[in-house]
C-alpha atoms as a PDB file:
ATOM      1  CA  MET A   1     -18.482  12.867   2.020  1.00  0.00           C
ATOM      2  CA  ARG A   2     -16.591  14.514   4.850  1.00  0.00           C
ATOM      3  CA  ALA A   3     -13.281  16.244   4.215  1.00  0.00           C
ATOM      4  CA  SER A   4     -11.477  13.622   6.293  1.00  0.00           C
ATOM      5  CA  ASP A   5     -12.926  10.860   4.078  1.00  0.00           C
ATOM      6  CA  SER A   6     -11.539  12.476   0.944  1.00  0.00           C
ATOM      7  CA  ASP A   7      -8.221  13.098   2.700  1.00  0.00           C
ATOM      8  CA  GLN A   8      -7.976   9.414   3.678  1.00  0.00           C
ATOM      9  CA  LEU A   9      -8.791   8.234   0.157  1.00  0.00           C
ATOM     10  CA  ALA A  10      -6.354  10.736  -1.301  1.00  0.00           C
ATOM     11  CA  ALA A  11      -3.616   9.475   1.015  1.00  0.00           C
ATOM     12  CA  LYS A  12      -4.303   5.854   0.023  1.00  0.00           C
ATOM     13  CA  LEU A  13      -4.102   6.790  -3.644  1.00  0.00           C
ATOM     14  CA  GLY A  14      -1.187   9.188  -3.272  1.00  0.00           C
ATOM     15  CA  ARG A  15      -3.219  11.984  -4.840  1.00  0.00           C
ATOM     16  CA  PRO A  16      -4.179  15.497  -3.728  1.00  0.00           C
ATOM     17  CA  ALA A  17      -7.586  15.587  -2.022  1.00  0.00           C
ATOM     18  CA  ALA A  18      -8.803  18.161  -4.557  1.00  0.00           C
ATOM     19  CA  SER A  19      -8.352  15.603  -7.340  1.00  0.00           C
ATOM     20  CA  LEU A  20     -11.084  13.479  -5.717  1.00  0.00           C
ATOM     21  CA  SER A  21     -13.755  16.168  -5.842  1.00  0.00           C
ATOM     22  CA  ALA A  22     -15.938  13.947  -8.058  1.00  0.00           C
ATOM     23  CA  LEU A  23     -16.287  11.532  -5.134  1.00  0.00           C
ATOM     24  CA  ARG A  24     -18.004  14.126  -2.945  1.00  0.00           C
ATOM     25  CA  THR A  25     -21.429  12.954  -4.114  1.00  0.00           C
ATOM     26  CA  LEU A  26     -20.902   9.422  -2.774  1.00  0.00           C
ATOM     27  CA  THR A  27     -22.600   8.186   0.392  1.00  0.00           C
ATOM     28  CA  ALA A  28     -20.625   6.983   3.407  1.00  0.00           C
ATOM     29  CA  GLU A  29     -21.357   3.374   2.425  1.00  0.00           C
ATOM     30  CA  GLN A  30     -20.081   3.969  -1.092  1.00  0.00           C
ATOM     31  CA  ILE A  31     -16.954   5.647   0.254  1.00  0.00           C
ATOM     32  CA  GLY A  32     -16.385   2.566   2.408  1.00  0.00           C
ATOM     33  CA  GLN A  33     -16.730   0.339  -0.644  1.00  0.00           C
ATOM     34  CA  VAL A  34     -14.266   2.476  -2.605  1.00  0.00           C
ATOM     35  CA  SER A  35     -11.853   2.399   0.316  1.00  0.00           C
ATOM     36  CA  ASP A  36     -12.154  -1.400   0.580  1.00  0.00           C
ATOM     37  CA  ALA A  37     -11.559  -1.748  -3.172  1.00  0.00           C
ATOM     38  CA  ILE A  38      -8.441   0.419  -2.892  1.00  0.00           C
ATOM     39  CA  ASP A  39      -7.161  -1.698   0.002  1.00  0.00           C
ATOM     40  CA  GLU A  40      -7.784  -4.935  -1.930  1.00  0.00           C
ATOM     41  CA  ALA A  41      -6.085  -3.596  -5.069  1.00  0.00           C
ATOM     42  CA  ALA A  42      -3.063  -2.512  -3.002  1.00  0.00           C
ATOM     43  CA  ALA A  43      -2.900  -5.953  -1.337  1.00  0.00           C
ATOM     44  CA  MET A  44      -3.075  -7.698  -4.717  1.00  0.00           C
ATOM     45  CA  ARG A  45      -0.299  -5.459  -6.018  1.00  0.00           C
ATOM     46  CA  ARG A  46       1.846  -6.204  -2.952  1.00  0.00           C
ATOM     47  CA  ARG A  47       1.291  -9.964  -3.397  1.00  0.00           C
ATOM     48  CA  ALA A  48       2.234  -9.762  -7.086  1.00  0.00           C
ATOM     49  CA  ILE A  49       5.382  -7.790  -6.314  1.00  0.00           C
ATOM     50  CA  ASP A  50       6.297 -10.142  -3.477  1.00  0.00           C
ATOM     51  CA  GLY A  51       5.822 -13.166  -5.761  1.00  0.00           C
ATOM     52  CA  ALA A  52       7.989 -11.651  -8.477  1.00  0.00           C
ATOM     53  CA  PHE A  53      10.591 -10.714  -5.879  1.00  0.00           C
ATOM     54  CA  ARG A  54      10.671 -14.287  -4.532  1.00  0.00           C
ATOM     55  CA  ALA A  55      10.954 -15.721  -8.032  1.00  0.00           C
ATOM     56  CA  ALA A  56      13.771 -13.368  -9.020  1.00  0.00           C
ATOM     57  CA  LEU A  57      16.057 -13.688  -6.006  1.00  0.00           C
ATOM     58  CA  PRO A  58      17.284 -16.642  -3.960  1.00  0.00           C
ATOM     59  CA  PRO A  59      16.414 -16.488  -0.223  1.00  0.00           C
ATOM     60  CA  LEU A  60      19.673 -15.101   1.212  1.00  0.00           C
ATOM     61  CA  PRO A  61      20.142 -12.171  -1.193  1.00  0.00           C
ATOM     62  CA  ARG A  62      16.416 -11.447  -0.909  1.00  0.00           C
ATOM     63  CA  ARG A  63      16.628 -11.242   2.901  1.00  0.00           C
ATOM     64  CA  LEU A  64      19.638  -8.936   2.694  1.00  0.00           C
ATOM     65  CA  LEU A  65      17.931  -6.697   0.151  1.00  0.00           C
ATOM     66  CA  VAL A  66      14.727  -6.510   2.227  1.00  0.00           C
ATOM     67  CA  PHE A  67      16.834  -5.631   5.290  1.00  0.00           C
ATOM     68  CA  VAL A  68      18.630  -2.833   3.418  1.00  0.00           C
ATOM     69  CA  LEU A  69      15.398  -1.479   1.925  1.00  0.00           C
ATOM     70  CA  ARG A  70      13.733  -1.366   5.330  1.00  0.00           C
ATOM     71  CA  LEU A  71      16.726   0.468   6.775  1.00  0.00           C
ATOM     72  CA  ALA A  72      16.584   2.951   3.899  1.00  0.00           C
ATOM     73  CA  GLU A  73      12.906   3.709   4.528  1.00  0.00           C
ATOM     74  CA  GLY A  74      13.473   4.122   8.253  1.00  0.00           C
ATOM     75  CA  GLY A  75      12.103   0.720   9.234  1.00  0.00           C
ATOM     76  CA  ALA A  76      12.908  -1.171  12.399  1.00  0.00           C
ATOM     77  CA  GLY A  77      15.744  -3.026  10.714  1.00  0.00           C
ATOM     78  CA  ALA A  78      15.612  -6.800  10.772  1.00  0.00           C
ATOM     79  CA  PRO A  79      13.148  -8.301   8.316  1.00  0.00           C
ATOM     80  CA  THR A  80      10.103  -9.919   9.889  1.00  0.00           C
ATOM     81  CA  GLY A  81       9.345 -12.062   6.863  1.00  0.00           C
ATOM     82  CA  GLU A  82      10.636 -12.579   3.373  1.00  0.00           C
ATOM     83  CA  GLY A  83       9.207 -10.108   0.935  1.00  0.00           C
ATOM     84  CA  ARG A  84       6.435  -8.993   3.288  1.00  0.00           C
ATOM     85  CA  THR A  85       5.851  -5.327   3.807  1.00  0.00           C
ATOM     86  CA  SER A  86       4.625  -3.877   7.034  1.00  0.00           C
END
C-alpha cells in the first residue's frame, strides 16, 4: 500500500493515516475494495440522514435550513436539491 493510498483512506474515514497501519499489508485490489466499501457506507449514511431529514421537516423549512447550512460550511449558497449533499 502506497502512502497516498493510506492518506486517502484516512481522509475518507476522518482518521490519522498512522491509525491505518494495519492496512499496509493489503494489495492494491484490496485497498480498492475497502475504499469502495467506505464510499458505499458513506452513501448509505447520507441517504438515511436525508430520509430522516425529509420526514422530520416540511419542504419549506427544510429548504431554508439546507440553504443556511450550506452557507455556514462555505457552500455556493442556493440549495441544488432538497436534503442532498454535494
